[in-house]
Amino acid sequence: MSPAAAPSSPVPAWPRSLPTLLRHALLLLLAAALVLPVLSVFTAWLPGSVGGERAGAIVREMAVTVLPEYFWTTVWLGLAVALGSALVGTISAAAVTLFDFPGRRLLEWLLLLPLAMPAYVTAYAYTDFLQFSGPLQVGLRAAFGLEGRLLPEVRSLWGAIWVFIFSLYPYVYLLARTALSERAAHLMEAARLLGASPARRIVQVALPLARPAVAAGVALVLMETLADFGVTSYFGIQTFTVGIYKAWLAMDDRLAAAQLATILLALVALLLHLELRAQRRMRFAAAGVGRAGSAEGEPQRLQGWGRWLAWLACLLPVSMGFFAPVLFMLRPLAADWAVLPWGRFIEWAGNSVRLGAITALLALAISLVLAFAVRRSRDGLTRAVVRLASLGYAVPGAVIVVGLLLPVGWVQAQWPQARVPALVTATALGIVWAYLVRFCAVALQSVQSGYARIPTSLDDCSRMLGVGGPRLLTRVHWPLLKRSAAAAALLVFVDVMKELPATMVLRPFNSDTLAVVAYQLARDERLGEAALPSLALVAVGLVPVILLSRTLRAQRR
């Protein structure tokens, strides 16, 4: 055979696969950074871990002392909040969706306002106004010559239930309203043609259609309730989250804190499973259901007492969850305006803005990398990393704190001269890491929703013109993703501003944020001073609520 006819030697395959290996290595590195704080809490159950030989003894000791109280308090709190938020959210959603009355369009937006109010801020406001020395009881005693306590103690389990219901019902309201507006009109008209009365159409057609959405909203409410530290700690309620911090900070037992964190994480995983099942049922229920085109599919106009009941169903939740707490905080703020610490307030706000901006930019960069990786290749590893990053928002801040500090303590025990623990606990590295674990999912969801509006044919055309790889992201995708990226950064920024559990433990020295200062001032019974940082958090939280309302109205058009 002549040299020209000799078969060419095969080209090694590894150079062509090098970019894929680098991409997978980057994805695995991101996954490890986002998942390590969650998985490390499970090492508390391993026999070979530091203190692992005490794991069984600690569980047995907690089982006969604090664990039953933590469990049953958390269960009763969750059940009461779930029932209350389901009723309030479903009734208000049905009122603005199925009926027409004056002010309905305005109330649709107002009912979202409690989303801007952190639950712990609402707790401070109600405590200041309704406690024994608050203006309401003092005024009643002075006006009627009464003595002693006139109202039940606000800082109790029932007080916490009240605060959580009117702070978190918008999760149920938003999903139920979307479900009813998208699916109810078509089938309500069909039921009318079959002779069903209005009451029967509502009870047997509209509300069952909203049931999966209500279940998904209740699951979100329960996850927020389980993750809360500000309300339960301030009210002295012994839940799992409070127990984690008490075990770590008061008893100096990190192993007990880690084991409590795993139990809380198991409860959250169960709720997340239920929420995902409800979401699948929502997609199934939506299949084949369209909008009604006739006037009979429009909301039913109310007259007389019906209007008053609809106004009550909508104004009561937003008044209890937003307007009343804001007014309660404005009263001490106006009374003590001259003595407020404005200089320190600027410092606290600067710390909050700095941490929020850093975290927002990093979360946006990570989300763009992950979303672009899924866009280019839908292999199993890429999808798994994106799923892991999407689960972070469901993990309570207390679990993330314990998961971060456990490896730090192990490194400190193995290498006492190492500087890694100091970098995590004495600088912004640790707190930003915890923020990214928890809030990357928020940015990722927004960026992926932006990618869903970019047709894949645009990618094919770009590759044909020689634009591929990172240039495809920077020159083609980024101009189309700017609005989604801005929304993602804004949502992460606001969530960081309001985050309390992780910030309180991992913040650097002399770097108090608005959320931490509001909690500390309220805990010290300086509620008048706590009103200033609390109202600042509310003002920041209003921005995404306004954007959400505008988005919902644009989608309806």
Protein backbone atom coordinates (compact mmCIF):
# COMPACT_ATOMS: atom_id res chain seq x y z
CA MET A 1 0.00 0.00 0.00
CA SER A 2 1.39 3.39 -0.97
CA PRO A 3 2.01 6.04 1.67
CA ALA A 4 -0.78 8.12 0.21
CA ALA A 5 -3.24 5.28 0.72
CA ALA A 6 -2.14 4.53 4.27
CA PRO A 7 -4.86 5.20 6.79
CA SER A 8 -4.35 8.36 8.78
CA SER A 9 -3.50 7.98 12.43
CA PRO A 10 -6.49 8.64 14.72
CA VAL A 11 -6.59 12.02 16.42
CA PRO A 12 -6.63 11.77 20.23
CA ALA A 13 -10.09 12.50 21.57
CA TRP A 14 -9.06 14.15 24.82
CA PRO A 15 -8.20 17.63 23.44
CA ARG A 16 -11.71 17.96 22.00
CA SER A 17 -13.26 16.93 25.30
CA LEU A 18 -11.12 19.28 27.37
CA PRO A 19 -13.69 22.14 27.32
CA THR A 20 -16.37 19.70 28.44
CA LEU A 21 -14.16 18.48 31.29
CA LEU A 22 -13.47 22.07 32.38
CA ARG A 23 -17.17 22.92 32.23
CA HIS A 24 -18.06 19.88 34.30
CA ALA A 25 -15.31 20.70 36.80
CA LEU A 26 -16.69 24.23 37.19
CA LEU A 27 -20.22 22.90 37.67
CA LEU A 28 -19.06 20.40 40.27
CA LEU A 29 -17.19 23.16 42.10
CA LEU A 30 -20.31 25.33 42.18
CA ALA A 31 -22.42 22.38 43.32
CA ALA A 32 -19.98 21.60 46.13
CA ALA A 33 -19.97 25.21 47.32
CA LEU A 34 -23.79 25.38 47.34
CA VAL A 35 -24.46 21.93 48.80
CA LEU A 36 -21.64 21.51 51.33
CA PRO A 37 -23.34 23.61 54.07
CA VAL A 38 -26.46 21.46 53.75
CA LEU A 39 -24.81 18.05 53.60
CA SER A 40 -22.33 18.71 56.38
CA VAL A 41 -25.06 18.71 59.06
CA PHE A 42 -25.56 14.99 58.41
CA THR A 43 -22.02 14.27 59.57
CA ALA A 44 -23.25 14.72 63.13
CA TRP A 45 -24.77 11.21 62.87
CA LEU A 46 -21.59 9.52 61.61
CA PRO A 47 -19.70 7.44 64.19
CA GLY A 48 -16.36 8.58 62.83
CA SER A 49 -17.10 12.31 63.07
CA VAL A 50 -15.84 14.65 65.75
CA GLY A 51 -18.01 13.88 68.73
CA GLY A 52 -19.83 11.25 66.71
CA GLU A 53 -19.53 8.74 69.53
CA ARG A 54 -21.87 10.99 71.52
CA ALA A 55 -24.50 11.17 68.76
CA GLY A 56 -26.77 8.47 70.15
CA ALA A 57 -26.46 9.74 73.71
CA ILE A 58 -27.36 13.29 72.70
CA VAL A 59 -30.43 12.15 70.78
CA ARG A 60 -31.63 10.08 73.72
CA GLU A 61 -31.08 12.97 76.10
CA MET A 62 -32.95 15.42 73.85
CA ALA A 63 -35.76 12.90 73.35
CA VAL A 64 -36.62 13.00 77.06
CA THR A 65 -36.02 16.74 77.59
CA VAL A 66 -36.44 19.35 74.86
CA LEU A 67 -37.22 17.39 71.69
CA PRO A 68 -40.92 16.68 72.45
CA GLU A 69 -41.54 20.38 73.18
CA TYR A 70 -39.74 21.46 70.02
CA PHE A 71 -41.64 18.93 67.95
CA TRP A 72 -45.16 19.56 69.21
CA THR A 73 -44.77 23.33 69.33
CA THR A 74 -43.54 23.31 65.74
CA VAL A 75 -46.37 20.98 64.67
CA TRP A 76 -49.16 22.99 66.32
CA LEU A 77 -47.72 26.25 65.05
CA GLY A 78 -47.47 24.87 61.52
CA LEU A 79 -50.98 23.38 61.50
CA ALA A 80 -52.62 26.56 62.80
CA VAL A 81 -50.69 28.80 60.38
CA ALA A 82 -51.44 26.46 57.46
CA LEU A 83 -55.17 26.45 58.18
CA GLY A 84 -55.37 30.19 58.76
CA SER A 85 -53.32 31.19 55.73
CA ALA A 86 -55.28 28.77 53.52
CA LEU A 87 -58.60 30.30 54.61
CA VAL A 88 -57.46 33.93 54.37
CA GLY A 89 -55.59 33.48 51.09
CA THR A 90 -58.31 31.43 49.36
CA ILE A 91 -61.19 33.66 50.44
CA SER A 92 -59.44 36.86 49.38
CA ALA A 93 -58.37 35.30 46.06
CA ALA A 94 -61.91 34.10 45.35
CA ALA A 95 -63.31 37.55 46.21
CA VAL A 96 -61.15 39.47 43.72
CA THR A 97 -61.29 36.77 41.01
CA LEU A 98 -64.87 35.47 40.99
CA PHE A 99 -66.70 38.67 41.91
CA ASP A 100 -66.79 42.27 40.72
CA PHE A 101 -67.22 45.17 43.14
CA PRO A 102 -65.91 48.74 43.47
CA GLY A 103 -62.20 48.85 44.30
CA ARG A 104 -61.50 45.28 43.16
CA ARG A 105 -58.55 46.24 40.94
CA LEU A 106 -56.92 48.21 43.74
CA LEU A 107 -57.44 45.43 46.27
CA GLU A 108 -55.83 42.90 43.93
CA TRP A 109 -52.58 44.84 44.40
CA LEU A 110 -53.05 45.79 48.05
CA LEU A 111 -53.43 42.16 49.08
CA LEU A 112 -49.81 41.59 48.05
CA LEU A 113 -48.42 44.25 50.40
CA PRO A 114 -47.74 41.95 53.41
CA LEU A 115 -45.03 40.32 51.28
CA ALA A 116 -43.02 43.50 51.84
CA MET A 117 -43.32 43.19 55.62
CA PRO A 118 -40.92 40.73 57.30
CA ALA A 119 -42.78 38.64 59.86
CA TYR A 120 -40.45 39.67 62.67
CA VAL A 121 -41.16 43.36 61.94
CA THR A 122 -44.89 42.66 62.21
CA ALA A 123 -44.24 40.94 65.55
CA TYR A 124 -42.37 43.99 66.88
CA ALA A 125 -45.16 46.33 65.82
CA TYR A 126 -47.99 44.32 67.42
CA THR A 127 -46.00 43.82 70.61
CA ASP A 128 -45.30 47.53 70.97
CA PHE A 129 -48.96 48.46 70.51
CA LEU A 130 -50.76 45.62 72.33
CA GLN A 131 -48.49 44.77 75.27
CA PHE A 132 -49.35 45.62 78.88
CA SER A 133 -47.49 48.96 78.70
CA GLY A 134 -48.57 49.66 75.13
CA PRO A 135 -50.75 52.61 74.15
CA LEU A 136 -53.92 50.54 73.66
CA GLN A 137 -54.05 49.00 77.13
CA VAL A 138 -52.80 52.19 78.80
CA GLY A 139 -55.53 54.19 77.05
CA LEU A 140 -58.24 51.68 77.97
CA ARG A 141 -57.20 51.65 81.64
CA ALA A 142 -57.14 55.45 81.74
CA ALA A 143 -60.47 55.87 79.94
CA PHE A 144 -62.49 53.31 81.88
CA GLY A 145 -60.66 53.20 85.21
CA LEU A 146 -59.63 49.59 84.78
CA GLU A 147 -56.64 47.81 86.25
CA GLY A 148 -54.37 44.93 85.30
CA ARG A 149 -53.98 43.21 81.94
CA LEU A 150 -56.89 43.78 79.57
CA LEU A 151 -55.72 41.79 76.54
CA PRO A 152 -54.08 38.37 76.16
CA GLU A 153 -50.29 38.26 76.08
CA VAL A 154 -49.07 39.05 72.57
CA ARG A 155 -45.81 37.13 72.93
CA SER A 156 -47.37 33.69 72.91
CA LEU A 157 -48.06 30.84 70.53
CA TRP A 158 -51.38 32.37 69.48
CA GLY A 159 -49.72 35.72 68.91
CA ALA A 160 -47.16 34.07 66.64
CA ILE A 161 -49.95 32.29 64.74
CA TRP A 162 -51.70 35.63 64.19
CA VAL A 163 -48.48 37.24 62.92
CA PHE A 164 -47.60 34.37 60.58
CA ILE A 165 -51.10 34.10 59.09
CA PHE A 166 -51.34 37.75 58.10
CA SER A 167 -47.69 37.95 57.04
CA LEU A 168 -47.62 34.82 54.87
CA TYR A 169 -51.14 34.46 53.44
CA PRO A 170 -50.05 36.22 50.16
CA TYR A 171 -48.28 32.98 49.13
CA VAL A 172 -51.65 31.22 49.09
CA TYR A 173 -53.48 34.25 47.71
CA LEU A 174 -51.12 34.67 44.78
CA LEU A 175 -51.21 31.04 43.63
CA ALA A 176 -54.95 30.65 44.22
CA ARG A 177 -55.71 33.88 42.38
CA THR A 178 -53.62 32.77 39.40
CA ALA A 179 -55.32 29.36 39.33
CA LEU A 180 -58.82 30.81 39.53
CA SER A 181 -58.22 33.50 36.91
CA GLU A 182 -56.71 31.02 34.45
CA ARG A 183 -59.07 28.06 34.85
CA ALA A 184 -62.27 29.00 36.62
CA ALA A 185 -64.04 31.17 34.00
CA HIS A 186 -64.29 28.50 31.30
CA LEU A 187 -65.65 25.77 33.58
CA MET A 188 -67.83 28.16 35.57
CA GLU A 189 -69.62 29.03 32.33
CA ALA A 190 -70.04 25.34 31.51
CA ALA A 191 -71.55 24.74 34.96
CA ARG A 192 -73.94 27.65 34.45
CA LEU A 193 -75.13 26.17 31.16
CA LEU A 194 -75.82 22.92 33.03
CA GLY A 195 -78.08 24.76 35.46
CA ALA A 196 -75.81 25.08 38.53
CA SER A 197 -76.55 27.94 40.90
CA PRO A 198 -73.84 30.58 41.59
CA ALA A 199 -73.11 29.15 45.05
CA ARG A 200 -72.83 25.63 43.66
CA ARG A 201 -70.54 26.80 40.84
CA ILE A 202 -68.18 28.38 43.36
CA VAL A 203 -68.14 25.49 45.85
CA GLN A 204 -68.08 22.57 43.41
CA VAL A 205 -66.18 24.02 40.42
CA ALA A 206 -64.00 27.03 41.25
CA LEU A 207 -62.62 26.06 44.64
CA PRO A 208 -61.72 22.45 43.69
CA LEU A 209 -59.80 23.86 40.70
CA ALA A 210 -57.77 26.02 43.08
CA ARG A 211 -57.05 23.19 45.52
CA PRO A 212 -53.60 22.24 44.08
CA ALA A 213 -52.58 25.90 44.05
CA VAL A 214 -53.73 26.32 47.65
CA ALA A 215 -51.76 23.22 48.65
CA ALA A 216 -48.62 24.59 46.97
CA GLY A 217 -49.10 27.94 48.70
CA VAL A 218 -49.60 26.30 52.09
CA ALA A 219 -46.40 24.31 51.61
CA LEU A 220 -44.52 27.56 50.97
CA VAL A 221 -46.11 29.10 54.07
CA LEU A 222 -45.04 26.15 56.19
CA MET A 223 -41.48 26.31 54.88
CA GLU A 224 -41.30 29.99 55.81
CA THR A 225 -42.77 29.24 59.24
CA LEU A 226 -40.28 26.46 59.94
CA ALA A 227 -37.37 28.63 58.82
CA ASP A 228 -38.38 31.62 60.95
CA PHE A 229 -36.20 32.69 63.85
CA GLY A 230 -37.15 36.32 64.49
CA VAL A 231 -40.80 35.83 65.52
CA THR A 232 -40.41 32.61 67.48
CA SER A 233 -37.30 33.78 69.31
CA TYR A 234 -38.81 37.16 70.16
CA PHE A 235 -42.03 35.57 71.38
CA GLY A 236 -40.17 32.90 73.36
CA ILE A 237 -41.66 29.96 71.44
CA GLN A 238 -39.60 26.77 71.55
CA THR A 239 -39.44 25.59 67.93
CA PHE A 240 -36.72 23.64 66.14
CA THR A 241 -35.10 26.81 64.77
CA VAL A 242 -34.90 28.41 68.22
CA GLY A 243 -33.59 25.13 69.62
CA ILE A 244 -30.77 25.04 67.05
CA TYR A 245 -29.53 28.47 68.06
CA LYS A 246 -29.97 27.73 71.76
CA ALA A 247 -27.96 24.50 71.44
CA TRP A 248 -25.17 26.22 69.54
CA LEU A 249 -24.93 29.62 71.25
CA ALA A 250 -26.27 29.02 74.77
CA MET A 251 -25.26 25.40 75.45
CA ASP A 252 -22.17 25.46 73.17
CA ASP A 253 -23.11 22.01 71.80
CA ARG A 254 -22.64 22.05 68.05
CA LEU A 255 -23.43 18.34 67.73
CA ALA A 256 -26.89 18.80 69.25
CA ALA A 257 -27.44 21.83 67.01
CA ALA A 258 -26.48 19.79 63.94
CA GLN A 259 -28.82 16.94 64.86
CA LEU A 260 -31.70 19.34 65.42
CA ALA A 261 -30.85 20.88 62.06
CA THR A 262 -31.14 17.50 60.33
CA ILE A 263 -34.59 16.94 61.85
CA LEU A 264 -35.70 20.37 60.66
CA LEU A 265 -34.23 19.66 57.22
CA ALA A 266 -36.21 16.41 57.04
CA LEU A 267 -39.44 18.33 57.74
CA VAL A 268 -38.56 20.86 55.04
CA ALA A 269 -37.80 18.05 52.57
CA LEU A 270 -41.24 16.57 53.24
CA LEU A 271 -42.90 19.94 52.63
CA LEU A 272 -40.87 20.45 49.47
CA HIS A 273 -42.01 17.05 48.19
CA LEU A 274 -45.64 17.97 48.87
CA GLU A 275 -45.19 21.33 47.16
CA LEU A 276 -43.71 19.71 44.05
CA ARG A 277 -46.60 17.23 43.93
CA ALA A 278 -49.04 20.10 44.16
CA GLN A 279 -47.23 21.93 41.34
CA ARG A 280 -47.52 18.84 39.12
CA ARG A 281 -51.24 18.65 39.87
CA MET A 282 -51.56 22.32 38.95
CA ARG A 283 -49.96 21.66 35.55
CA PHE A 284 -52.26 18.67 35.02
CA ALA A 285 -55.34 20.68 35.95
CA ALA A 286 -54.31 23.46 33.57
CA ALA A 287 -54.10 21.15 30.58
CA GLY A 288 -56.83 21.86 28.08
CA VAL A 289 -58.44 24.61 30.12
CA GLY A 290 -58.71 27.97 28.45
CA ARG A 291 -60.33 31.29 29.03
CA ALA A 292 -63.97 31.85 28.48
CA GLY A 293 -64.80 34.26 25.77
CA SER A 294 -68.36 35.27 26.64
CA ALA A 295 -69.62 37.70 29.19
CA GLU A 296 -70.80 34.84 31.38
CA GLY A 297 -67.16 34.06 32.10
CA GLU A 298 -66.68 37.48 33.68
CA PRO A 299 -66.72 37.98 37.48
CA GLN A 300 -70.17 38.15 39.05
CA ARG A 301 -71.17 41.70 40.05
CA LEU A 302 -72.03 42.07 43.72
CA GLN A 303 -74.71 44.28 45.23
CA GLY A 304 -75.70 45.29 48.76
CA TRP A 305 -74.32 43.09 51.52
CA GLY A 306 -72.24 41.14 49.04
CA ARG A 307 -70.07 44.20 48.44
CA TRP A 308 -69.54 44.74 52.16
CA LEU A 309 -68.54 41.12 52.68
CA ALA A 310 -66.09 41.27 49.75
CA TRP A 311 -64.54 44.48 51.09
CA LEU A 312 -64.23 42.88 54.53
CA ALA A 313 -62.63 39.72 53.10
CA CYS A 314 -60.01 41.81 51.28
CA LEU A 315 -59.41 44.75 53.63
CA LEU A 316 -59.07 42.72 56.83
CA PRO A 317 -55.99 40.71 55.73
CA VAL A 318 -54.10 43.65 54.24
CA SER A 319 -54.96 45.83 57.24
CA MET A 320 -53.75 43.25 59.75
CA GLY A 321 -50.69 42.29 57.71
CA PHE A 322 -49.50 45.70 56.50
CA PHE A 323 -51.37 48.89 57.34
CA ALA A 324 -51.78 48.28 61.08
CA PRO A 325 -48.10 47.29 61.68
CA VAL A 326 -46.90 50.31 59.68
CA LEU A 327 -49.10 52.66 61.69
CA PHE A 328 -47.99 51.03 64.96
CA MET A 329 -44.34 51.68 64.03
CA LEU A 330 -44.92 55.24 62.82
CA ARG A 331 -46.31 56.25 66.23
CA PRO A 332 -43.08 55.73 68.26
CA LEU A 333 -41.02 56.93 65.31
CA ALA A 334 -42.83 60.26 65.25
CA ALA A 335 -42.72 60.60 69.05
CA ASP A 336 -38.94 60.02 69.29
CA TRP A 337 -37.88 61.62 66.00
CA ALA A 338 -35.29 63.93 67.56
CA VAL A 339 -33.43 61.23 69.49
CA LEU A 340 -33.22 58.62 66.74
CA PRO A 341 -29.66 57.41 65.95
CA TRP A 342 -29.47 58.73 62.39
CA GLY A 343 -25.69 58.41 62.20
CA ARG A 344 -25.73 54.77 63.22
CA PHE A 345 -28.71 54.17 60.93
CA ILE A 346 -26.65 55.23 57.91
CA GLU A 347 -23.93 52.82 59.00
CA TRP A 348 -26.40 49.94 59.41
CA ALA A 349 -28.00 50.69 56.06
CA GLY A 350 -24.56 50.83 54.43
CA ASN A 351 -23.66 47.39 55.79
CA SER A 352 -26.95 45.96 54.54
CA VAL A 353 -26.57 47.52 51.10
CA ARG A 354 -22.95 46.36 50.81
CA LEU A 355 -23.75 42.74 51.68
CA GLY A 356 -26.85 42.79 49.48
CA ALA A 357 -25.01 44.20 46.47
CA ILE A 358 -22.10 41.76 46.73
CA THR A 359 -24.40 38.77 47.11
CA ALA A 360 -26.71 39.93 44.31
CA LEU A 361 -23.84 40.27 41.83
CA LEU A 362 -22.32 36.91 42.75
CA ALA A 363 -25.70 35.14 42.69
CA LEU A 364 -26.43 36.66 39.29
CA ALA A 365 -23.07 35.51 37.91
CA ILE A 366 -23.57 31.97 39.22
CA SER A 367 -27.13 31.86 37.88
CA LEU A 368 -26.01 33.01 34.43
CA VAL A 369 -23.33 30.31 34.35
CA LEU A 370 -25.76 27.58 35.43
CA ALA A 371 -28.60 28.68 33.14
CA PHE A 372 -26.22 29.00 30.17
CA ALA A 373 -24.80 25.53 30.90
CA VAL A 374 -28.30 24.03 30.83
CA ARG A 375 -29.05 25.94 27.65
CA ARG A 376 -25.99 24.51 25.90
CA SER A 377 -26.09 20.96 27.23
CA ARG A 378 -28.85 19.11 29.04
CA ASP A 379 -26.70 16.22 30.23
CA GLY A 380 -27.42 14.57 33.56
CA LEU A 381 -24.64 16.31 35.48
CA THR A 382 -25.71 19.80 34.41
CA ARG A 383 -29.35 19.17 35.26
CA ALA A 384 -28.40 17.69 38.64
CA VAL A 385 -26.26 20.72 39.55
CA VAL A 386 -29.05 23.12 38.59
CA ARG A 387 -31.58 21.15 40.65
CA LEU A 388 -29.28 21.26 43.68
CA ALA A 389 -28.81 25.00 43.30
CA SER A 390 -32.59 25.44 43.00
CA LEU A 391 -33.25 23.75 46.35
CA GLY A 392 -31.28 26.22 48.45
CA TYR A 393 -34.16 28.61 49.06
CA ALA A 394 -36.11 25.89 50.85
CA VAL A 395 -33.29 25.32 53.38
CA PRO A 396 -33.75 27.34 56.61
CA GLY A 397 -31.04 29.83 57.46
CA ALA A 398 -30.38 28.07 60.77
CA VAL A 399 -29.47 24.85 58.94
CA ILE A 400 -27.11 26.71 56.62
CA VAL A 401 -25.39 28.39 59.57
CA VAL A 402 -24.78 25.09 61.32
CA GLY A 403 -23.68 23.47 58.06
CA LEU A 404 -21.10 26.19 57.50
CA LEU A 405 -19.72 26.31 61.01
CA LEU A 406 -19.36 22.53 61.45
CA PRO A 407 -16.62 22.16 58.79
CA VAL A 408 -14.99 25.33 60.09
CA GLY A 409 -14.81 23.83 63.58
CA TRP A 410 -13.36 20.59 62.19
CA VAL A 411 -10.66 22.49 60.28
CA GLN A 412 -9.84 24.49 63.40
CA ALA A 413 -9.51 21.28 65.43
CA GLN A 414 -7.25 19.62 62.87
CA TRP A 415 -5.07 22.62 62.00
CA PRO A 416 -5.18 25.18 64.81
CA GLN A 417 -2.89 27.56 62.92
CA ALA A 418 -5.06 27.62 59.79
CA ARG A 419 -6.55 30.94 58.74
CA VAL A 420 -9.61 29.43 57.04
CA PRO A 421 -11.90 29.64 60.12
CA ALA A 422 -11.00 33.30 60.60
CA LEU A 423 -11.81 34.02 56.95
CA VAL A 424 -15.26 32.47 57.32
CA THR A 425 -16.24 33.91 60.70
CA ALA A 426 -14.38 37.25 60.85
CA THR A 427 -14.91 38.53 57.30
CA ALA A 428 -17.80 38.83 54.89
CA LEU A 429 -16.86 35.52 53.23
CA GLY A 430 -18.93 33.34 55.54
CA ILE A 431 -22.09 35.43 55.46
CA VAL A 432 -21.96 35.91 51.68
CA TRP A 433 -21.44 32.16 51.27
CA ALA A 434 -24.52 31.48 53.39
CA TYR A 435 -26.52 34.03 51.38
CA LEU A 436 -25.50 32.39 48.11
CA VAL A 437 -26.53 28.94 49.33
CA ARG A 438 -29.95 30.27 50.28
CA PHE A 439 -30.70 32.82 47.56
CA CYS A 440 -29.01 31.55 44.38
CA ALA A 441 -32.25 29.72 43.68
CA VAL A 442 -34.11 33.06 43.51
CA ALA A 443 -31.73 34.48 40.90
CA LEU A 444 -31.60 31.20 38.97
CA GLN A 445 -35.37 31.03 38.63
CA SER A 446 -35.55 34.57 37.27
CA VAL A 447 -32.73 34.00 34.77
CA GLN A 448 -34.24 30.72 33.59
CA SER A 449 -37.59 32.43 33.05
CA GLY A 450 -35.76 34.94 30.85
CA TYR A 451 -34.10 32.14 28.90
CA ALA A 452 -37.51 30.55 28.34
CA ARG A 453 -38.46 33.60 26.24
CA ILE A 454 -35.39 33.28 23.97
CA PRO A 455 -36.02 30.81 21.12
CA THR A 456 -33.39 28.12 20.62
CA SER A 457 -33.37 28.89 16.90
CA LEU A 458 -31.52 32.09 17.80
CA ASP A 459 -28.67 29.97 19.18
CA ASP A 460 -28.52 27.92 15.97
CA CYS A 461 -28.36 31.04 13.83
CA SER A 462 -25.60 32.48 16.01
CA ARG A 463 -23.49 29.34 15.72
CA MET A 464 -23.91 29.36 11.95
CA LEU A 465 -22.52 32.91 11.99
CA GLY A 466 -19.54 31.83 14.07
CA VAL A 467 -20.73 33.03 17.49
CA GLY A 468 -20.52 30.23 20.03
CA GLY A 469 -19.23 29.40 23.47
CA PRO A 470 -18.97 32.27 25.94
CA ARG A 471 -19.46 34.80 23.11
CA LEU A 472 -22.98 33.40 22.63
CA LEU A 473 -23.76 34.42 26.21
CA THR A 474 -22.13 37.84 26.12
CA ARG A 475 -23.15 38.99 22.62
CA VAL A 476 -26.52 37.26 22.03
CA HIS A 477 -28.12 36.15 25.29
CA TRP A 478 -27.06 38.96 27.63
CA PRO A 479 -28.80 41.81 25.75
CA LEU A 480 -32.02 39.78 25.85
CA LEU A 481 -31.58 38.81 29.51
CA LYS A 482 -30.92 42.25 30.96
CA ARG A 483 -34.41 42.73 32.40
CA SER A 484 -34.53 39.23 33.88
CA ALA A 485 -31.02 39.67 35.27
CA ALA A 486 -31.96 43.00 36.85
CA ALA A 487 -35.03 41.40 38.44
CA ALA A 488 -32.91 38.51 39.72
CA ALA A 489 -30.34 40.85 41.29
CA LEU A 490 -33.09 42.95 42.85
CA LEU A 491 -34.86 39.97 44.41
CA VAL A 492 -31.64 38.62 45.89
CA PHE A 493 -30.73 42.09 47.19
CA VAL A 494 -34.07 42.47 48.97
CA ASP A 495 -33.93 38.95 50.45
CA VAL A 496 -30.43 39.60 51.79
CA MET A 497 -31.57 42.88 53.36
CA LYS A 498 -34.34 41.05 55.25
CA GLU A 499 -32.42 37.87 56.18
CA LEU A 500 -32.03 37.53 59.96
CA PRO A 501 -30.94 34.03 61.18
CA ALA A 502 -27.78 33.65 59.11
CA THR A 503 -26.83 37.32 59.43
CA MET A 504 -27.09 37.33 63.20
CA VAL A 505 -24.50 34.55 63.62
CA LEU A 506 -22.15 34.97 60.66
CA ARG A 507 -21.91 38.75 60.30
CA PRO A 508 -18.40 40.21 60.75
CA PHE A 509 -17.61 42.23 63.84
CA ASN A 510 -19.01 45.79 63.85
CA SER A 511 -21.08 45.02 60.75
CA ASP A 512 -24.62 45.07 62.09
CA THR A 513 -27.34 45.18 59.44
CA LEU A 514 -30.81 46.69 59.57
CA ALA A 515 -32.40 43.30 60.26
CA VAL A 516 -30.00 42.45 63.10
CA VAL A 517 -30.30 45.90 64.72
CA ALA A 518 -34.10 45.81 64.54
CA TYR A 519 -34.09 42.43 66.30
CA GLN A 520 -31.62 43.52 68.97
CA LEU A 521 -33.46 46.74 69.73
CA ALA A 522 -36.81 44.96 69.93
CA ARG A 523 -35.33 42.27 72.18
CA ASP A 524 -34.05 45.03 74.50
CA GLU A 525 -37.58 46.54 74.61
CA ARG A 526 -36.40 49.61 72.68
CA LEU A 527 -39.24 49.26 70.21
CA GLY A 528 -39.35 52.95 69.37
CA GLU A 529 -35.77 52.81 68.11
CA ALA A 530 -36.44 49.52 66.32
CA ALA A 531 -39.12 51.23 64.22
CA LEU A 532 -36.57 53.09 62.07
CA PRO A 533 -34.64 50.08 60.70
CA SER A 534 -37.88 48.08 60.53
CA LEU A 535 -39.61 50.65 58.34
CA ALA A 536 -36.50 50.85 56.15
CA LEU A 537 -36.77 47.09 55.54
CA VAL A 538 -40.45 47.49 54.67
CA ALA A 539 -39.64 50.25 52.18
CA VAL A 540 -37.04 48.04 50.49
CA GLY A 541 -39.46 45.11 50.42
CA LEU A 542 -42.08 47.19 48.59
CA VAL A 543 -39.97 47.31 45.43
CA PRO A 544 -40.33 43.64 44.37
CA VAL A 545 -44.00 43.69 45.40
CA ILE A 546 -44.65 46.57 43.00
CA LEU A 547 -42.74 44.79 40.24
CA LEU A 548 -44.70 41.59 40.89
CA SER A 549 -48.00 43.45 40.67
CA ARG A 550 -46.99 45.07 37.38
CA THR A 551 -45.95 41.69 35.98
CA LEU A 552 -49.27 40.08 36.91
CA ARG A 553 -51.24 42.90 35.30
CA ALA A 554 -49.14 42.69 32.13
CA GLN A 555 -49.71 38.93 31.90
CA ARG A 556 -53.47 39.41 32.29
CA ARG A 557 -53.52 41.85 29.39
